[in-house]
Amino acid sequence: MTKADIVSEIAKKTGAEKVHIQTVVEAFMEEVKDALAKNENVYLRGFGSFIIKKRAQKVARNISKNTTITIPAHNIPAFKPAKTFVAKIK
């Protein structure tokens, strides 16, 4: 399902115009991205959490040059579904 599909489904269910729904969906995604950029987690009860995971520094190998490189510690975004969400999928 794409963003356009989500907008279409919400527009069908609510009767609102697709343009308004698309603006709301894009604003929601921007707010989630902005919160994660500020190292703030986003919790949506019954749906799940958008969280920041911290990756430790590690040593990796560049196979083509046969050298080792150090990958610095960094943060990555992740999604953790709520228990009710997981139960509905099972």
N, C-alpha and C. Protein backbone atom coordinates (compact mmCIF):
# COMPACT_ATOMS: atom_id res chain seq x y z
N MET A 1 0.86 -1.17 0.00
CA MET A 1 0.00 0.00 0.00
C MET A 1 0.90 1.24 0.00
N THR A 2 0.61 2.15 -0.89
CA THR A 2 1.39 3.38 -1.01
C THR A 2 0.69 4.52 -0.28
N LYS A 3 1.37 5.66 -0.23
CA LYS A 3 0.77 6.84 0.41
C LYS A 3 -0.49 7.26 -0.34
N ALA A 4 -0.47 7.16 -1.66
CA ALA A 4 -1.65 7.51 -2.45
C ALA A 4 -2.82 6.59 -2.12
N ASP A 5 -2.54 5.30 -1.91
CA ASP A 5 -3.59 4.35 -1.54
C ASP A 5 -4.18 4.70 -0.17
N ILE A 6 -3.33 5.07 0.75
CA ILE A 6 -3.79 5.45 2.09
C ILE A 6 -4.69 6.68 2.00
N VAL A 7 -4.26 7.67 1.22
CA VAL A 7 -5.06 8.89 1.05
C VAL A 7 -6.41 8.56 0.44
N SER A 8 -6.43 7.69 -0.57
CA SER A 8 -7.69 7.31 -1.22
C SER A 8 -8.63 6.60 -0.26
N GLU A 9 -8.10 5.67 0.53
CA GLU A 9 -8.93 4.92 1.48
C GLU A 9 -9.52 5.83 2.56
N ILE A 10 -8.70 6.74 3.08
CA ILE A 10 -9.20 7.65 4.11
C ILE A 10 -10.26 8.58 3.52
N ALA A 11 -10.03 9.04 2.30
CA ALA A 11 -11.01 9.92 1.63
C ALA A 11 -12.33 9.20 1.42
N LYS A 12 -12.27 7.92 1.05
CA LYS A 12 -13.50 7.13 0.86
C LYS A 12 -14.25 6.98 2.18
N LYS A 13 -13.52 6.67 3.24
CA LYS A 13 -14.16 6.40 4.53
C LYS A 13 -14.70 7.66 5.21
N THR A 14 -14.04 8.80 4.99
CA THR A 14 -14.47 10.02 5.67
C THR A 14 -15.31 10.94 4.80
N GLY A 15 -15.19 10.80 3.49
CA GLY A 15 -15.92 11.69 2.60
C GLY A 15 -15.23 13.03 2.40
N ALA A 16 -14.04 13.18 2.92
CA ALA A 16 -13.28 14.42 2.76
C ALA A 16 -12.54 14.40 1.42
N GLU A 17 -12.08 15.56 1.00
CA GLU A 17 -11.38 15.66 -0.27
C GLU A 17 -9.98 15.09 -0.15
N LYS A 18 -9.51 14.48 -1.23
CA LYS A 18 -8.19 13.86 -1.23
C LYS A 18 -7.08 14.87 -0.97
N VAL A 19 -7.25 16.09 -1.46
CA VAL A 19 -6.22 17.13 -1.28
C VAL A 19 -6.02 17.42 0.20
N HIS A 20 -7.12 17.52 0.95
CA HIS A 20 -7.02 17.80 2.38
C HIS A 20 -6.42 16.62 3.12
N ILE A 21 -6.82 15.42 2.76
CA ILE A 21 -6.30 14.22 3.40
C ILE A 21 -4.80 14.09 3.13
N GLN A 22 -4.38 14.36 1.91
CA GLN A 22 -2.96 14.26 1.57
C GLN A 22 -2.15 15.27 2.38
N THR A 23 -2.68 16.47 2.57
CA THR A 23 -2.00 17.48 3.37
C THR A 23 -1.85 17.00 4.82
N VAL A 24 -2.88 16.38 5.37
CA VAL A 24 -2.84 15.89 6.74
C VAL A 24 -1.84 14.74 6.88
N VAL A 25 -1.87 13.80 5.94
CA VAL A 25 -0.95 12.66 5.99
C VAL A 25 0.50 13.13 5.89
N GLU A 26 0.78 14.05 4.98
CA GLU A 26 2.14 14.56 4.82
C GLU A 26 2.58 15.35 6.05
N ALA A 27 1.66 16.12 6.65
CA ALA A 27 1.99 16.87 7.87
C ALA A 27 2.29 15.90 9.01
N PHE A 28 1.53 14.81 9.11
CA PHE A 28 1.79 13.80 10.15
C PHE A 28 3.18 13.20 9.98
N MET A 29 3.51 12.83 8.75
CA MET A 29 4.83 12.22 8.51
C MET A 29 5.95 13.21 8.80
N GLU A 30 5.77 14.47 8.47
CA GLU A 30 6.78 15.49 8.77
C GLU A 30 6.98 15.64 10.28
N GLU A 31 5.88 15.64 11.02
CA GLU A 31 5.97 15.76 12.48
C GLU A 31 6.72 14.58 13.10
N VAL A 32 6.45 13.38 12.58
CA VAL A 32 7.15 12.19 13.07
C VAL A 32 8.64 12.31 12.76
N LYS A 33 8.98 12.70 11.53
CA LYS A 33 10.39 12.86 11.16
C LYS A 33 11.07 13.93 12.00
N ASP A 34 10.39 15.06 12.23
CA ASP A 34 10.98 16.13 13.03
C ASP A 34 11.22 15.69 14.46
N ALA A 35 10.26 14.96 15.04
CA ALA A 35 10.42 14.47 16.41
C ALA A 35 11.59 13.50 16.51
N LEU A 36 11.71 12.59 15.55
CA LEU A 36 12.81 11.64 15.57
C LEU A 36 14.15 12.34 15.36
N ALA A 37 14.17 13.39 14.55
CA ALA A 37 15.40 14.15 14.34
C ALA A 37 15.85 14.84 15.62
N LYS A 38 14.90 15.15 16.50
CA LYS A 38 15.21 15.78 17.80
C LYS A 38 15.46 14.73 18.88
N ASN A 39 15.60 13.46 18.51
CA ASN A 39 15.78 12.34 19.45
C ASN A 39 14.58 12.16 20.37
N GLU A 40 13.39 12.47 19.90
CA GLU A 40 12.16 12.24 20.66
C GLU A 40 11.42 11.07 20.04
N ASN A 41 10.95 10.15 20.87
CA ASN A 41 10.16 9.03 20.39
C ASN A 41 8.71 9.47 20.20
N VAL A 42 8.00 8.80 19.28
CA VAL A 42 6.60 9.09 19.01
C VAL A 42 5.79 7.86 19.39
N TYR A 43 4.85 8.01 20.33
CA TYR A 43 4.04 6.89 20.82
C TYR A 43 2.60 7.07 20.36
N LEU A 44 2.07 6.06 19.65
CA LEU A 44 0.68 6.07 19.19
C LEU A 44 -0.02 4.87 19.82
N ARG A 45 -0.80 5.13 20.84
CA ARG A 45 -1.46 4.05 21.59
C ARG A 45 -2.31 3.18 20.67
N GLY A 46 -2.12 1.87 20.77
CA GLY A 46 -2.87 0.93 19.96
C GLY A 46 -2.29 0.70 18.58
N PHE A 47 -1.31 1.49 18.18
CA PHE A 47 -0.68 1.32 16.86
C PHE A 47 0.78 0.92 17.00
N GLY A 48 1.56 1.75 17.70
CA GLY A 48 2.96 1.43 17.89
C GLY A 48 3.78 2.67 18.20
N SER A 49 5.09 2.50 18.20
CA SER A 49 6.00 3.59 18.55
C SER A 49 7.07 3.74 17.48
N PHE A 50 7.33 4.97 17.12
CA PHE A 50 8.47 5.30 16.27
C PHE A 50 9.58 5.69 17.23
N ILE A 51 10.67 4.92 17.23
CA ILE A 51 11.73 5.13 18.21
C ILE A 51 13.07 5.31 17.52
N ILE A 52 14.02 5.82 18.29
CA ILE A 52 15.39 5.96 17.83
C ILE A 52 16.21 4.85 18.46
N LYS A 53 16.88 4.06 17.64
CA LYS A 53 17.78 3.02 18.15
C LYS A 53 19.21 3.50 17.98
N LYS A 54 20.02 3.23 18.98
CA LYS A 54 21.41 3.62 18.94
C LYS A 54 22.26 2.42 18.50
N ARG A 55 23.04 2.61 17.47
CA ARG A 55 23.95 1.58 16.99
C ARG A 55 25.35 1.88 17.52
N ALA A 56 26.00 0.89 18.08
CA ALA A 56 27.34 1.07 18.63
C ALA A 56 28.37 1.14 17.50
N GLN A 57 29.52 1.68 17.83
CA GLN A 57 30.63 1.72 16.88
C GLN A 57 31.08 0.29 16.59
N LYS A 58 31.46 0.02 15.34
CA LYS A 58 31.92 -1.32 15.01
C LYS A 58 32.97 -1.26 13.92
N VAL A 59 33.71 -2.35 13.83
CA VAL A 59 34.74 -2.47 12.82
C VAL A 59 34.19 -3.38 11.72
N ALA A 60 34.32 -2.93 10.47
CA ALA A 60 33.83 -3.70 9.33
C ALA A 60 34.97 -3.86 8.32
N ARG A 61 34.74 -4.72 7.35
CA ARG A 61 35.76 -4.96 6.33
C ARG A 61 35.27 -4.48 4.97
N ASN A 62 36.16 -3.83 4.25
CA ASN A 62 35.91 -3.47 2.86
C ASN A 62 36.54 -4.59 2.03
N ILE A 63 35.73 -5.48 1.52
CA ILE A 63 36.23 -6.68 0.85
C ILE A 63 36.98 -6.33 -0.44
N SER A 64 36.50 -5.35 -1.19
CA SER A 64 37.13 -5.03 -2.47
C SER A 64 38.55 -4.47 -2.30
N LYS A 65 38.80 -3.72 -1.21
CA LYS A 65 40.12 -3.15 -0.97
C LYS A 65 40.90 -3.94 0.08
N ASN A 66 40.25 -4.93 0.68
CA ASN A 66 40.86 -5.77 1.72
C ASN A 66 41.39 -4.91 2.88
N THR A 67 40.57 -3.99 3.34
CA THR A 67 40.94 -3.15 4.48
C THR A 67 39.82 -3.18 5.52
N THR A 68 40.15 -2.74 6.71
CA THR A 68 39.13 -2.62 7.74
C THR A 68 38.79 -1.14 7.92
N ILE A 69 37.53 -0.89 8.19
CA ILE A 69 37.09 0.48 8.43
C ILE A 69 36.30 0.50 9.73
N THR A 70 36.26 1.65 10.35
CA THR A 70 35.50 1.82 11.58
C THR A 70 34.22 2.57 11.25
N ILE A 71 33.10 1.96 11.58
CA ILE A 71 31.80 2.61 11.40
C ILE A 71 31.46 3.27 12.73
N PRO A 72 31.30 4.59 12.75
CA PRO A 72 31.04 5.27 14.02
C PRO A 72 29.65 4.95 14.59
N ALA A 73 29.47 5.20 15.86
CA ALA A 73 28.16 5.02 16.50
C ALA A 73 27.17 5.99 15.84
N HIS A 74 25.94 5.53 15.66
CA HIS A 74 24.93 6.38 15.02
C HIS A 74 23.54 5.94 15.45
N ASN A 75 22.57 6.79 15.18
CA ASN A 75 21.17 6.50 15.49
C ASN A 75 20.41 6.15 14.22
N ILE A 76 19.43 5.23 14.36
CA ILE A 76 18.57 4.88 13.23
C ILE A 76 17.12 4.89 13.70
N PRO A 77 16.19 5.27 12.83
CA PRO A 77 14.77 5.21 13.21
C PRO A 77 14.26 3.78 13.12
N ALA A 78 13.30 3.46 13.98
CA ALA A 78 12.70 2.12 13.98
C ALA A 78 11.24 2.24 14.38
N PHE A 79 10.48 1.21 14.04
CA PHE A 79 9.07 1.14 14.42
C PHE A 79 8.85 -0.09 15.26
N LYS A 80 8.19 0.07 16.39
CA LYS A 80 7.86 -1.06 17.25
C LYS A 80 6.33 -1.11 17.36
N PRO A 81 5.70 -2.14 16.81
CA PRO A 81 4.23 -2.22 16.84
C PRO A 81 3.71 -2.49 18.25
N ALA A 82 2.51 -1.99 18.53
CA ALA A 82 1.85 -2.23 19.82
C ALA A 82 1.38 -3.67 19.89
N LYS A 83 1.18 -4.16 21.11
CA LYS A 83 0.75 -5.54 21.30
C LYS A 83 -0.60 -5.81 20.63
N THR A 84 -1.52 -4.86 20.71
CA THR A 84 -2.84 -5.05 20.08
C THR A 84 -2.72 -5.10 18.56
N PHE A 85 -1.79 -4.33 18.00
CA PHE A 85 -1.54 -4.33 16.58
C PHE A 85 -0.99 -5.68 16.13
N VAL A 86 -0.03 -6.20 16.88
CA VAL A 86 0.57 -7.50 16.55
C VAL A 86 -0.48 -8.61 16.68
N ALA A 87 -1.33 -8.52 17.71
CA ALA A 87 -2.36 -9.54 17.91
C ALA A 87 -3.36 -9.55 16.75
N LYS A 88 -3.67 -8.39 16.20
CA LYS A 88 -4.61 -8.31 15.09
C LYS A 88 -4.01 -8.91 13.82
N ILE A 89 -2.72 -8.77 13.63
CA ILE A 89 -2.05 -9.30 12.46
C ILE A 89 -1.97 -10.82 12.53
N LYS A 90 -1.71 -11.36 13.72
CA LYS A 90 -1.62 -12.82 13.89
C LYS A 90 -2.99 -13.38 13.71
